[in-house]
Amino acid sequence: MKSPYTGWSRIFYAAGYSYKGLKSTWKHEAAFRQEAVLCLLLTPIAIWLGDSLMEIIALIGVLVFVLIVEMLNSAVESTIDRIGEDYHKLSGRAKDQGSAAVFLSFFLAVLVWGGFIIDKLLA
């Protein structure tokens, strides 16, 4: 479906759709809410832990990356559920792969944060 909007109006409407996506994810996805709250709680710690702007961006960035992957996983799950509630091995595989992507993004965040904390403790 092609958007009837162009230029700045397209960007304005796209921002509105993005807001709707964030709002619906917050409303319907408990995992996203938990990760978002964790992200908010860890942001001040990232500011304290990072010695430079780039380190702070890296610490916060991996947290935001987890949220992004969680939203993509939720989109996959919603699409699969829209198709039907009946089990199909491809649907199961898609959901499992989305879940694995969230797990890997969370693992990356733990590695990055763990590395920064270890560096801070050994300094």
PDB file of N, CA and C in Angstrom:
ATOM      1  N   MET A   1       0.842  -1.170   0.000  1.00  0.00           N
ATOM      2  CA  MET A   1       0.000   0.000   0.000  1.00  0.00           C
ATOM      3  C   MET A   1       0.891   1.238   0.000  1.00  0.00           C
ATOM      4  N   LYS A   2       0.730   2.068  -0.985  1.00  0.00           N
ATOM      5  CA  LYS A   2       1.543   3.265  -1.118  1.00  0.00           C
ATOM      6  C   LYS A   2       0.937   4.408  -0.313  1.00  0.00           C
ATOM      7  N   SER A   3       1.801   5.133   0.385  1.00  0.00           N
ATOM      8  CA  SER A   3       1.350   6.261   1.190  1.00  0.00           C
ATOM      9  C   SER A   3       0.966   7.434   0.289  1.00  0.00           C
ATOM     10  N   PRO A   4      -0.146   8.096   0.599  1.00  0.00           N
ATOM     11  CA  PRO A   4      -0.526   9.277  -0.189  1.00  0.00           C
ATOM     12  C   PRO A   4       0.282  10.515   0.196  1.00  0.00           C
ATOM     13  N   TYR A   5       1.087  10.399   1.236  1.00  0.00           N
ATOM     14  CA  TYR A   5       1.836  11.539   1.746  1.00  0.00           C
ATOM     15  C   TYR A   5       3.246  11.560   1.177  1.00  0.00           C
ATOM     16  N   THR A   6       3.765  12.763   0.990  1.00  0.00           N
ATOM     17  CA  THR A   6       5.135  12.937   0.513  1.00  0.00           C
ATOM     18  C   THR A   6       5.808  14.027   1.332  1.00  0.00           C
ATOM     19  N   GLY A   7       7.124  14.065   1.259  1.00  0.00           N
ATOM     20  CA  GLY A   7       7.887  15.119   1.933  1.00  0.00           C
ATOM     21  C   GLY A   7       7.711  15.102   3.436  1.00  0.00           C
ATOM     22  N   TRP A   8       7.582  16.304   3.992  1.00  0.00           N
ATOM     23  CA  TRP A   8       7.480  16.451   5.443  1.00  0.00           C
ATOM     24  C   TRP A   8       6.212  15.831   6.006  1.00  0.00           C
ATOM     25  N   SER A   9       5.123  15.881   5.245  1.00  0.00           N
ATOM     26  CA  SER A   9       3.881  15.285   5.754  1.00  0.00           C
ATOM     27  C   SER A   9       4.032  13.769   5.896  1.00  0.00           C
ATOM     28  N   ARG A  10       4.799  13.132   5.000  1.00  0.00           N
ATOM     29  CA  ARG A  10       5.045  11.697   5.116  1.00  0.00           C
ATOM     30  C   ARG A  10       5.799  11.393   6.407  1.00  0.00           C
ATOM     31  N   ILE A  11       6.814  12.217   6.705  1.00  0.00           N
ATOM     32  CA  ILE A  11       7.592  12.022   7.932  1.00  0.00           C
ATOM     33  C   ILE A  11       6.700  12.221   9.156  1.00  0.00           C
ATOM     34  N   PHE A  12       5.838  13.237   9.111  1.00  0.00           N
ATOM     35  CA  PHE A  12       4.924  13.514  10.219  1.00  0.00           C
ATOM     36  C   PHE A  12       3.997  12.324  10.458  1.00  0.00           C
ATOM     37  N   TYR A  13       3.380  11.812   9.390  1.00  0.00           N
ATOM     38  CA  TYR A  13       2.470  10.681   9.545  1.00  0.00           C
ATOM     39  C   TYR A  13       3.209   9.408   9.943  1.00  0.00           C
ATOM     40  N   ALA A  14       4.413   9.218   9.428  1.00  0.00           N
ATOM     41  CA  ALA A  14       5.214   8.050   9.810  1.00  0.00           C
ATOM     42  C   ALA A  14       5.521   8.086  11.303  1.00  0.00           C
ATOM     43  N   ALA A  15       5.809   9.275  11.831  1.00  0.00           N
ATOM     44  CA  ALA A  15       6.063   9.413  13.270  1.00  0.00           C
ATOM     45  C   ALA A  15       4.813   9.038  14.065  1.00  0.00           C
ATOM     46  N   GLY A  16       3.653   9.401  13.554  1.00  0.00           N
ATOM     47  CA  GLY A  16       2.398   9.035  14.215  1.00  0.00           C
ATOM     48  C   GLY A  16       2.187   7.530  14.242  1.00  0.00           C
ATOM     49  N   TYR A  17       2.494   6.871  13.127  1.00  0.00           N
ATOM     50  CA  TYR A  17       2.370   5.412  13.077  1.00  0.00           C
ATOM     51  C   TYR A  17       3.371   4.758  14.031  1.00  0.00           C
ATOM     52  N   SER A  18       4.557   5.327  14.111  1.00  0.00           N
ATOM     53  CA  SER A  18       5.570   4.797  15.033  1.00  0.00           C
ATOM     54  C   SER A  18       5.096   4.926  16.471  1.00  0.00           C
ATOM     55  N   TYR A  19       4.497   6.066  16.801  1.00  0.00           N
ATOM     56  CA  TYR A  19       3.962   6.268  18.147  1.00  0.00           C
ATOM     57  C   TYR A  19       2.880   5.228  18.450  1.00  0.00           C
ATOM     58  N   LYS A  20       1.991   4.986  17.473  1.00  0.00           N
ATOM     59  CA  LYS A  20       0.950   3.970  17.660  1.00  0.00           C
ATOM     60  C   LYS A  20       1.569   2.599  17.909  1.00  0.00           C
ATOM     61  N   GLY A  21       2.652   2.296  17.193  1.00  0.00           N
ATOM     62  CA  GLY A  21       3.330   1.017  17.377  1.00  0.00           C
ATOM     63  C   GLY A  21       3.931   0.884  18.762  1.00  0.00           C
ATOM     64  N   LEU A  22       4.583   1.950  19.227  1.00  0.00           N
ATOM     65  CA  LEU A  22       5.148   1.934  20.582  1.00  0.00           C
ATOM     66  C   LEU A  22       4.048   1.777  21.625  1.00  0.00           C
ATOM     67  N   LYS A  23       2.967   2.525  21.442  1.00  0.00           N
ATOM     68  CA  LYS A  23       1.856   2.488  22.394  1.00  0.00           C
ATOM     69  C   LYS A  23       1.210   1.099  22.445  1.00  0.00           C
ATOM     70  N   SER A  24       0.980   0.497  21.278  1.00  0.00           N
ATOM     71  CA  SER A  24       0.345  -0.828  21.275  1.00  0.00           C
ATOM     72  C   SER A  24       1.291  -1.896  21.820  1.00  0.00           C
ATOM     73  N   THR A  25       2.584  -1.748  21.557  1.00  0.00           N
ATOM     74  CA  THR A  25       3.543  -2.709  22.109  1.00  0.00           C
ATOM     75  C   THR A  25       3.570  -2.597  23.626  1.00  0.00           C
ATOM     76  N   TRP A  26       3.586  -1.378  24.135  1.00  0.00           N
ATOM     77  CA  TRP A  26       3.559  -1.165  25.586  1.00  0.00           C
ATOM     78  C   TRP A  26       2.302  -1.791  26.191  1.00  0.00           C
ATOM     79  N   LYS A  27       1.169  -1.611  25.530  1.00  0.00           N
ATOM     80  CA  LYS A  27      -0.112  -2.095  26.053  1.00  0.00           C
ATOM     81  C   LYS A  27      -0.217  -3.620  26.038  1.00  0.00           C
ATOM     82  N   HIS A  28       0.286  -4.259  24.985  1.00  0.00           N
ATOM     83  CA  HIS A  28       0.023  -5.682  24.780  1.00  0.00           C
ATOM     84  C   HIS A  28       1.194  -6.614  25.095  1.00  0.00           C
ATOM     85  N   GLU A  29       2.381  -6.085  25.299  1.00  0.00           N
ATOM     86  CA  GLU A  29       3.558  -6.948  25.458  1.00  0.00           C
ATOM     87  C   GLU A  29       4.236  -6.725  26.810  1.00  0.00           C
ATOM     88  N   ALA A  30       4.024  -7.651  27.736  1.00  0.00           N
ATOM     89  CA  ALA A  30       4.602  -7.542  29.077  1.00  0.00           C
ATOM     90  C   ALA A  30       6.127  -7.544  29.036  1.00  0.00           C
ATOM     91  N   ALA A  31       6.712  -8.368  28.171  1.00  0.00           N
ATOM     92  CA  ALA A  31       8.179  -8.430  28.083  1.00  0.00           C
ATOM     93  C   ALA A  31       8.745  -7.076  27.666  1.00  0.00           C
ATOM     94  N   PHE A  32       8.089  -6.406  26.731  1.00  0.00           N
ATOM     95  CA  PHE A  32       8.543  -5.084  26.298  1.00  0.00           C
ATOM     96  C   PHE A  32       8.477  -4.092  27.461  1.00  0.00           C
ATOM     97  N   ARG A  33       7.392  -4.128  28.232  1.00  0.00           N
ATOM     98  CA  ARG A  33       7.269  -3.221  29.382  1.00  0.00           C
ATOM     99  C   ARG A  33       8.391  -3.463  30.384  1.00  0.00           C
ATOM    100  N   GLN A  34       8.674  -4.732  30.672  1.00  0.00           N
ATOM    101  CA  GLN A  34       9.744  -5.054  31.622  1.00  0.00           C
ATOM    102  C   GLN A  34      11.093  -4.566  31.110  1.00  0.00           C
ATOM    103  N   GLU A  35      11.368  -4.801  29.843  1.00  0.00           N
ATOM    104  CA  GLU A  35      12.651  -4.378  29.266  1.00  0.00           C
ATOM    105  C   GLU A  35      12.749  -2.859  29.187  1.00  0.00           C
ATOM    106  N   ALA A  36      11.637  -2.186  28.905  1.00  0.00           N
ATOM    107  CA  ALA A  36      11.650  -0.721  28.840  1.00  0.00           C
ATOM    108  C   ALA A  36      11.915  -0.116  30.215  1.00  0.00           C
ATOM    109  N   VAL A  37      11.290  -0.675  31.243  1.00  0.00           N
ATOM    110  CA  VAL A  37      11.529  -0.188  32.608  1.00  0.00           C
ATOM    111  C   VAL A  37      12.985  -0.434  32.995  1.00  0.00           C
ATOM    112  N   LEU A  38      13.506  -1.603  32.667  1.00  0.00           N
ATOM    113  CA  LEU A  38      14.914  -1.898  32.941  1.00  0.00           C
ATOM    114  C   LEU A  38      15.824  -0.905  32.221  1.00  0.00           C
ATOM    115  N   CYS A  39      15.488  -0.596  30.994  1.00  0.00           N
ATOM    116  CA  CYS A  39      16.254   0.378  30.209  1.00  0.00           C
ATOM    117  C   CYS A  39      16.252   1.744  30.906  1.00  0.00           C
ATOM    118  N   LEU A  40      15.095   2.169  31.379  1.00  0.00           N
ATOM    119  CA  LEU A  40      15.005   3.457  32.078  1.00  0.00           C
ATOM    120  C   LEU A  40      15.802   3.447  33.381  1.00  0.00           C
ATOM    121  N   LEU A  41      15.753   2.330  34.105  1.00  0.00           N
ATOM    122  CA  LEU A  41      16.494   2.231  35.364  1.00  0.00           C
ATOM    123  C   LEU A  41      18.006   2.191  35.140  1.00  0.00           C
ATOM    124  N   LEU A  42      18.441   1.575  34.046  1.00  0.00           N
ATOM    125  CA  LEU A  42      19.874   1.446  33.788  1.00  0.00           C
ATOM    126  C   LEU A  42      20.488   2.675  33.114  1.00  0.00           C
ATOM    127  N   THR A  43      19.673   3.552  32.563  1.00  0.00           N
ATOM    128  CA  THR A  43      20.212   4.732  31.872  1.00  0.00           C
ATOM    129  C   THR A  43      21.065   5.614  32.786  1.00  0.00           C
ATOM    130  N   PRO A  44      20.625   5.952  34.004  1.00  0.00           N
ATOM    131  CA  PRO A  44      21.507   6.751  34.872  1.00  0.00           C
ATOM    132  C   PRO A  44      22.807   6.017  35.220  1.00  0.00           C
ATOM    133  N   ILE A  45      22.730   4.699  35.357  1.00  0.00           N
ATOM    134  CA  ILE A  45      23.935   3.914  35.640  1.00  0.00           C
ATOM    135  C   ILE A  45      24.873   3.950  34.439  1.00  0.00           C
ATOM    136  N   ALA A  46      24.311   3.923  33.238  1.00  0.00           N
ATOM    137  CA  ALA A  46      25.133   4.019  32.023  1.00  0.00           C
ATOM    138  C   ALA A  46      25.872   5.349  31.981  1.00  0.00           C
ATOM    139  N   ILE A  47      25.206   6.405  32.396  1.00  0.00           N
ATOM    140  CA  ILE A  47      25.839   7.732  32.407  1.00  0.00           C
ATOM    141  C   ILE A  47      26.985   7.755  33.412  1.00  0.00           C
ATOM    142  N   TRP A  48      26.807   7.089  34.544  1.00  0.00           N
ATOM    143  CA  TRP A  48      27.871   7.024  35.548  1.00  0.00           C
ATOM    144  C   TRP A  48      28.995   6.101  35.095  1.00  0.00           C
ATOM    145  N   LEU A  49      28.629   4.977  34.498  1.00  0.00           N
ATOM    146  CA  LEU A  49      29.598   3.947  34.142  1.00  0.00           C
ATOM    147  C   LEU A  49      30.469   4.344  32.955  1.00  0.00           C
ATOM    148  N   GLY A  50      29.894   5.009  31.979  1.00  0.00           N
ATOM    149  CA  GLY A  50      30.645   5.384  30.783  1.00  0.00           C
ATOM    150  C   GLY A  50      31.594   6.538  31.054  1.00  0.00           C
ATOM    151  N   ASP A  51      32.820   6.407  30.545  1.00  0.00           N
ATOM    152  CA  ASP A  51      33.813   7.467  30.725  1.00  0.00           C
ATOM    153  C   ASP A  51      33.793   8.481  29.589  1.00  0.00           C
ATOM    154  N   SER A  52      33.119   8.153  28.516  1.00  0.00           N
ATOM    155  CA  SER A  52      33.036   9.071  27.378  1.00  0.00           C
ATOM    156  C   SER A  52      31.622   9.015  26.817  1.00  0.00           C
ATOM    157  N   LEU A  53      31.331   9.965  25.972  1.00  0.00           N
ATOM    158  CA  LEU A  53      30.013   9.985  25.348  1.00  0.00           C
ATOM    159  C   LEU A  53      29.763   8.706  24.545  1.00  0.00           C
ATOM    160  N   MET A  54      30.784   8.231  23.842  1.00  0.00           N
ATOM    161  CA  MET A  54      30.618   7.020  23.036  1.00  0.00           C
ATOM    162  C   MET A  54      30.360   5.789  23.910  1.00  0.00           C
ATOM    163  N   GLU A  55      30.980   5.721  25.070  1.00  0.00           N
ATOM    164  CA  GLU A  55      30.722   4.598  25.978  1.00  0.00           C
ATOM    165  C   GLU A  55      29.291   4.650  26.510  1.00  0.00           C
ATOM    166  N   ILE A  56      28.836   5.838  26.841  1.00  0.00           N
ATOM    167  CA  ILE A  56      27.455   5.999  27.319  1.00  0.00           C
ATOM    168  C   ILE A  56      26.476   5.602  26.219  1.00  0.00           C
ATOM    169  N   ILE A  57      26.760   6.045  24.996  1.00  0.00           N
ATOM    170  CA  ILE A  57      25.899   5.687  23.863  1.00  0.00           C
ATOM    171  C   ILE A  57      25.897   4.175  23.648  1.00  0.00           C
ATOM    172  N   ALA A  58      27.053   3.529  23.796  1.00  0.00           N
ATOM    173  CA  ALA A  58      27.129   2.071  23.626  1.00  0.00           C
ATOM    174  C   ALA A  58      26.299   1.360  24.689  1.00  0.00           C
ATOM    175  N   LEU A  59      26.409   1.798  25.930  1.00  0.00           N
ATOM    176  CA  LEU A  59      25.662   1.159  27.017  1.00  0.00           C
ATOM    177  C   LEU A  59      24.156   1.330  26.837  1.00  0.00           C
ATOM    178  N   ILE A  60      23.728   2.527  26.504  1.00  0.00           N
ATOM    179  CA  ILE A  60      22.300   2.766  26.288  1.00  0.00           C
ATOM    180  C   ILE A  60      21.857   2.131  24.972  1.00  0.00           C
ATOM    181  N   GLY A  61      22.735   2.171  23.977  1.00  0.00           N
ATOM    182  CA  GLY A  61      22.402   1.620  22.663  1.00  0.00           C
ATOM    183  C   GLY A  61      22.071   0.143  22.688  1.00  0.00           C
ATOM    184  N   VAL A  62      22.834  -0.649  23.460  1.00  0.00           N
ATOM    185  CA  VAL A  62      22.523  -2.087  23.504  1.00  0.00           C
ATOM    186  C   VAL A  62      21.194  -2.340  24.208  1.00  0.00           C
ATOM    187  N   LEU A  63      20.831  -1.464  25.141  1.00  0.00           N
ATOM    188  CA  LEU A  63      19.528  -1.599  25.796  1.00  0.00           C
ATOM    189  C   LEU A  63      18.399  -1.290  24.814  1.00  0.00           C
ATOM    190  N   VAL A  64      18.577  -0.228  24.047  1.00  0.00           N
ATOM    191  CA  VAL A  64      17.575   0.129  23.040  1.00  0.00           C
ATOM    192  C   VAL A  64      17.496  -0.961  21.969  1.00  0.00           C
ATOM    193  N   PHE A  65      18.637  -1.561  21.649  1.00  0.00           N
ATOM    194  CA  PHE A  65      18.655  -2.655  20.674  1.00  0.00           C
ATOM    195  C   PHE A  65      17.772  -3.811  21.139  1.00  0.00           C
ATOM    196  N   VAL A  66      17.804  -4.129  22.425  1.00  0.00           N
ATOM    197  CA  VAL A  66      16.937  -5.185  22.963  1.00  0.00           C
ATOM    198  C   VAL A  66      15.470  -4.809  22.742  1.00  0.00           C
ATOM    199  N   LEU A  67      15.126  -3.542  22.982  1.00  0.00           N
ATOM    200  CA  LEU A  67      13.744  -3.093  22.774  1.00  0.00           C
ATOM    201  C   LEU A  67      13.340  -3.205  21.306  1.00  0.00           C
ATOM    202  N   ILE A  68      14.250  -2.839  20.410  1.00  0.00           N
ATOM    203  CA  ILE A  68      13.966  -2.923  18.976  1.00  0.00           C
ATOM    204  C   ILE A  68      13.701  -4.369  18.572  1.00  0.00           C
ATOM    205  N   VAL A  69      14.564  -5.272  19.015  1.00  0.00           N
ATOM    206  CA  VAL A  69      14.398  -6.684  18.650  1.00  0.00           C
ATOM    207  C   VAL A  69      13.120  -7.242  19.266  1.00  0.00           C
ATOM    208  N   GLU A  70      12.802  -6.832  20.481  1.00  0.00           N
ATOM    209  CA  GLU A  70      11.556  -7.270  21.121  1.00  0.00           C
ATOM    210  C   GLU A  70      10.344  -6.813  20.308  1.00  0.00           C
ATOM    211  N   MET A  71      10.389  -5.583  19.807  1.00  0.00           N
ATOM    212  CA  MET A  71       9.273  -5.090  18.994  1.00  0.00           C
ATOM    213  C   MET A  71       9.153  -5.871  17.683  1.00  0.00           C
ATOM    214  N   LEU A  72      10.280  -6.169  17.060  1.00  0.00           N
ATOM    215  CA  LEU A  72      10.242  -6.964  15.826  1.00  0.00           C
ATOM    216  C   LEU A  72       9.697  -8.366  16.102  1.00  0.00           C
ATOM    217  N   ASN A  73      10.101  -8.953  17.228  1.00  0.00           N
ATOM    218  CA  ASN A  73       9.580 -10.262  17.613  1.00  0.00           C
ATOM    219  C   ASN A  73       8.072 -10.187  17.840  1.00  0.00           C
ATOM    220  N   SER A  74       7.621  -9.133  18.487  1.00  0.00           N
ATOM    221  CA  SER A  74       6.183  -8.965  18.716  1.00  0.00           C
ATOM    222  C   SER A  74       5.431  -8.815  17.401  1.00  0.00           C
ATOM    223  N   ALA A  75       6.035  -8.118  16.440  1.00  0.00           N
ATOM    224  CA  ALA A  75       5.404  -7.964  15.126  1.00  0.00           C
ATOM    225  C   ALA A  75       5.276  -9.312  14.426  1.00  0.00           C
ATOM    226  N   VAL A  76       6.318 -10.134  14.518  1.00  0.00           N
ATOM    227  CA  VAL A  76       6.260 -11.479  13.926  1.00  0.00           C
ATOM    228  C   VAL A  76       5.162 -12.292  14.602  1.00  0.00           C
ATOM    229  N   GLU A  77       5.122 -12.260  15.927  1.00  0.00           N
ATOM    230  CA  GLU A  77       4.114 -13.032  16.658  1.00  0.00           C
ATOM    231  C   GLU A  77       2.702 -12.564  16.323  1.00  0.00           C
ATOM    232  N   SER A  78       2.501 -11.254  16.234  1.00  0.00           N
ATOM    233  CA  SER A  78       1.176 -10.729  15.889  1.00  0.00           C
ATOM    234  C   SER A  78       0.756 -11.168  14.495  1.00  0.00           C
ATOM    235  N   THR A  79       1.694 -11.148  13.579  1.00  0.00           N
ATOM    236  CA  THR A  79       1.392 -11.569  12.209  1.00  0.00           C
ATOM    237  C   THR A  79       1.027 -13.048  12.165  1.00  0.00           C
ATOM    238  N   ILE A  80       1.788 -13.861  12.870  1.00  0.00           N
ATOM    239  CA  ILE A  80       1.500 -15.302  12.910  1.00  0.00           C
ATOM    240  C   ILE A  80       0.132 -15.545  13.545  1.00  0.00           C
ATOM    241  N   ASP A  81      -0.161 -14.842  14.645  1.00  0.00           N
ATOM    242  CA  ASP A  81      -1.450 -15.010  15.313  1.00  0.00           C
ATOM    243  C   ASP A  81      -2.598 -14.532  14.428  1.00  0.00           C
ATOM    244  N   ARG A  82      -2.361 -13.519  13.621  1.00  0.00           N
ATOM    245  CA  ARG A  82      -3.381 -13.011  12.693  1.00  0.00           C
ATOM    246  C   ARG A  82      -3.726 -14.066  11.646  1.00  0.00           C
ATOM    247  N   ILE A  83      -2.710 -14.812  11.222  1.00  0.00           N
ATOM    248  CA  ILE A  83      -2.918 -15.852  10.211  1.00  0.00           C
ATOM    249  C   ILE A  83      -3.804 -16.958  10.769  1.00  0.00           C
ATOM    250  N   GLY A  84      -3.594 -17.299  12.029  1.00  0.00           N
ATOM    251  CA  GLY A  84      -4.430 -18.333  12.636  1.00  0.00           C
ATOM    252  C   GLY A  84      -3.815 -18.868  13.905  1.00  0.00           C
ATOM    253  N   GLU A  85      -4.668 -19.366  14.772  1.00  0.00           N
ATOM    254  CA  GLU A  85      -4.230 -19.909  16.052  1.00  0.00           C
ATOM    255  C   GLU A  85      -3.803 -21.374  15.942  1.00  0.00           C
ATOM    256  N   ASP A  86      -4.133 -22.020  14.825  1.00  0.00           N
ATOM    257  CA  ASP A  86      -3.748 -23.421  14.644  1.00  0.00           C
ATOM    258  C   ASP A  86      -2.237 -23.534  14.573  1.00  0.00           C
ATOM    259  N   TYR A  87      -1.711 -24.609  15.162  1.00  0.00           N
ATOM    260  CA  TYR A  87      -0.266 -24.804  15.135  1.00  0.00           C
ATOM    261  C   TYR A  87       0.176 -25.225  13.740  1.00  0.00           C
ATOM    262  N   HIS A  88       1.232 -24.599  13.293  1.00  0.00           N
ATOM    263  CA  HIS A  88       1.897 -25.004  12.051  1.00  0.00           C
ATOM    264  C   HIS A  88       3.388 -24.923  12.323  1.00  0.00           C
ATOM    265  N   LYS A  89       4.150 -25.895  11.818  1.00  0.00           N
ATOM    266  CA  LYS A  89       5.578 -25.934  12.137  1.00  0.00           C
ATOM    267  C   LYS A  89       6.309 -24.680  11.663  1.00  0.00           C
ATOM    268  N   LEU A  90       5.906 -24.082  10.551  1.00  0.00           N
ATOM    269  CA  LEU A  90       6.561 -22.850  10.097  1.00  0.00           C
ATOM    270  C   LEU A  90       6.230 -21.672  11.015  1.00  0.00           C
ATOM    271  N   SER A  91       4.992 -21.634  11.501  1.00  0.00           N
ATOM    272  CA  SER A  91       4.620 -20.591  12.459  1.00  0.00           C
ATOM    273  C   SER A  91       5.416 -20.747  13.743  1.00  0.00           C
ATOM    274  N   GLY A  92       5.522 -21.983  14.206  1.00  0.00           N
ATOM    275  CA  GLY A  92       6.308 -22.252  15.409  1.00  0.00           C
ATOM    276  C   GLY A  92       7.764 -21.880  15.221  1.00  0.00           C
ATOM    277  N   ARG A  93       8.298 -22.202  14.058  1.00  0.00           N
ATOM    278  CA  ARG A  93       9.692 -21.876  13.767  1.00  0.00           C
ATOM    279  C   ARG A  93       9.899 -20.355  13.758  1.00  0.00           C
ATOM    280  N   ALA A  94       8.983 -19.630  13.132  1.00  0.00           N
ATOM    281  CA  ALA A  94       9.107 -18.167  13.077  1.00  0.00           C
ATOM    282  C   ALA A  94       9.071 -17.560  14.479  1.00  0.00           C
ATOM    283  N   LYS A  95       8.161 -18.044  15.310  1.00  0.00           N
ATOM    284  CA  LYS A  95       8.079 -17.529  16.681  1.00  0.00           C
ATOM    285  C   LYS A  95       9.330 -17.885  17.481  1.00  0.00           C
ATOM    286  N   ASP A  96       9.818 -19.106  17.319  1.00  0.00           N
ATOM    287  CA  ASP A  96      11.035 -19.520  18.022  1.00  0.00           C
ATOM    288  C   ASP A  96      12.241 -18.697  17.574  1.00  0.00           C
ATOM    289  N   GLN A  97      12.326 -18.418  16.294  1.00  0.00           N
ATOM    290  CA  GLN A  97      13.445 -17.624  15.786  1.00  0.00           C
ATOM    291  C   GLN A  97      13.375 -16.190  16.298  1.00  0.00           C
ATOM    292  N   GLY A  98      12.173 -15.635  16.371  1.00  0.00           N
ATOM    293  CA  GLY A  98      12.023 -14.301  16.945  1.00  0.00           C
ATOM    294  C   GLY A  98      12.441 -14.278  18.403  1.00  0.00           C
ATOM    295  N   SER A  99      12.041 -15.311  19.134  1.00  0.00           N
ATOM    296  CA  SER A  99      12.434 -15.422  20.537  1.00  0.00           C
ATOM    297  C   SER A  99      13.946 -15.550  20.679  1.00  0.00           C
ATOM    298  N   ALA A 100      14.555 -16.329  19.802  1.00  0.00           N
ATOM    299  CA  ALA A 100      16.016 -16.487  19.831  1.00  0.00           C
ATOM    300  C   ALA A 100      16.713 -15.160  19.543  1.00  0.00           C
ATOM    301  N   ALA A 101      16.147 -14.364  18.653  1.00  0.00           N
ATOM    302  CA  ALA A 101      16.729 -13.054  18.351  1.00  0.00           C
ATOM    303  C   ALA A 101      16.700 -12.154  19.583  1.00  0.00           C
ATOM    304  N   VAL A 102      15.598 -12.188  20.319  1.00  0.00           N
ATOM    305  CA  VAL A 102      15.517 -11.408  21.562  1.00  0.00           C
ATOM    306  C   VAL A 102      16.562 -11.904  22.553  1.00  0.00           C
ATOM    307  N   PHE A 103      16.678 -13.221  22.687  1.00  0.00           N
ATOM    308  CA  PHE A 103      17.663 -13.802  23.602  1.00  0.00           C
ATOM    309  C   PHE A 103      19.074 -13.353  23.243  1.00  0.00           C
ATOM    310  N   LEU A 104      19.422 -13.406  21.960  1.00  0.00           N
ATOM    311  CA  LEU A 104      20.768 -13.001  21.532  1.00  0.00           C
ATOM    312  C   LEU A 104      21.014 -11.515  21.774  1.00  0.00           C
ATOM    313  N   SER A 105      20.005 -10.684  21.557  1.00  0.00           N
ATOM    314  CA  SER A 105      20.183  -9.249  21.812  1.00  0.00           C
ATOM    315  C   SER A 105      20.368  -8.989  23.305  1.00  0.00           C
ATOM    316  N   PHE A 106      19.632  -9.727  24.127  1.00  0.00           N
ATOM    317  CA  PHE A 106      19.784  -9.597  25.577  1.00  0.00           C
ATOM    318  C   PHE A 106      21.166 -10.077  26.010  1.00  0.00           C
ATOM    319  N   PHE A 107      21.635 -11.187  25.425  1.00  0.00           N
ATOM    320  CA  PHE A 107      22.966 -11.713  25.716  1.00  0.00           C
ATOM    321  C   PHE A 107      24.039 -10.689  25.346  1.00  0.00           C
ATOM    322  N   LEU A 108      23.883 -10.035  24.201  1.00  0.00           N
ATOM    323  CA  LEU A 108      24.814  -8.986  23.794  1.00  0.00           C
ATOM    324  C   LEU A 108      24.825  -7.854  24.816  1.00  0.00           C
ATOM    325  N   ALA A 109      23.657  -7.452  25.287  1.00  0.00           N
ATOM    326  CA  ALA A 109      23.582  -6.384  26.285  1.00  0.00           C
ATOM    327  C   ALA A 109      24.303  -6.788  27.570  1.00  0.00           C
ATOM    328  N   VAL A 110      24.113  -8.031  27.994  1.00  0.00           N
ATOM    329  CA  VAL A 110      24.798  -8.520  29.197  1.00  0.00           C
ATOM    330  C   VAL A 110      26.309  -8.515  28.992  1.00  0.00           C
ATOM    331  N   LEU A 111      26.778  -8.937  27.820  1.00  0.00           N
ATOM    332  CA  LEU A 111      28.216  -8.921  27.530  1.00  0.00           C
ATOM    333  C   LEU A 111      28.787  -7.508  27.577  1.00  0.00           C
ATOM    334  N   VAL A 112      28.116  -6.585  26.915  1.00  0.00           N
ATOM    335  CA  VAL A 112      28.610  -5.199  26.872  1.00  0.00           C
ATOM    336  C   VAL A 112      28.609  -4.599  28.271  1.00  0.00           C
ATOM    337  N   TRP A 113      27.496  -4.728  28.977  1.00  0.00           N
ATOM    338  CA  TRP A 113      27.424  -4.173  30.325  1.00  0.00           C
ATOM    339  C   TRP A 113      28.413  -4.864  31.263  1.00  0.00           C
ATOM    340  N   GLY A 114      28.520  -6.177  31.162  1.00  0.00           N
ATOM    341  CA  GLY A 114      29.478  -6.908  31.995  1.00  0.00           C
ATOM    342  C   GLY A 114      30.898  -6.453  31.748  1.00  0.00           C
ATOM    343  N   GLY A 115      31.255  -6.260  30.480  1.00  0.00           N
ATOM    344  CA  GLY A 115      32.592  -5.772  30.146  1.00  0.00           C
ATOM    345  C   GLY A 115      32.872  -4.404  30.728  1.00  0.00           C
ATOM    346  N   PHE A 116      31.901  -3.513  30.641  1.00  0.00           N
ATOM    347  CA  PHE A 116      32.087  -2.176  31.200  1.00  0.00           C
ATOM    348  C   PHE A 116      32.209  -2.224  32.719  1.00  0.00           C
ATOM    349  N   ILE A 117      31.398  -3.048  33.357  1.00  0.00           N
ATOM    350  CA  ILE A 117      31.453  -3.143  34.823  1.00  0.00           C
ATOM    351  C   ILE A 117      32.781  -3.739  35.269  1.00  0.00           C
ATOM    352  N   ILE A 118      33.236  -4.784  34.600  1.00  0.00           N
ATOM    353  CA  ILE A 118      34.533  -5.386  34.946  1.00  0.00           C
ATOM    354  C   ILE A 118      35.657  -4.375  34.754  1.00  0.00           C
ATOM    355  N   ASP A 119      35.643  -3.648  33.639  1.00  0.00           N
ATOM    356  CA  ASP A 119      36.657  -2.608  33.409  1.00  0.00           C
ATOM    357  C   ASP A 119      36.633  -1.556  34.510  1.00  0.00           C
ATOM    358  N   LYS A 120      35.439  -1.162  34.924  1.00  0.00           N
ATOM    359  CA  LYS A 120      35.300  -0.136  35.962  1.00  0.00           C
ATOM    360  C   LYS A 120      35.851  -0.656  37.294  1.00  0.00           C
ATOM    361  N   LEU A 121      35.573  -1.919  37.610  1.00  0.00           N
ATOM    362  CA  LEU A 121      36.041  -2.488  38.874  1.00  0.00           C
ATOM    363  C   LEU A 121      37.550  -2.701  38.888  1.00  0.00           C
ATOM    364  N   LEU A 122      38.134  -3.016  37.743  1.00  0.00           N
ATOM    365  CA  LEU A 122      39.572  -3.276  37.671  1.00  0.00           C
ATOM    366  C   LEU A 122      40.402  -2.007  37.485  1.00  0.00           C
ATOM    367  N   ALA A 123      39.740  -0.902  37.198  1.00  0.00           N
ATOM    368  CA  ALA A 123      40.489   0.347  36.950  1.00  0.00           C
ATOM    369  C   ALA A 123      40.996   0.969  38.234  1.00  0.00           C
TER     370      ALA A 123
END
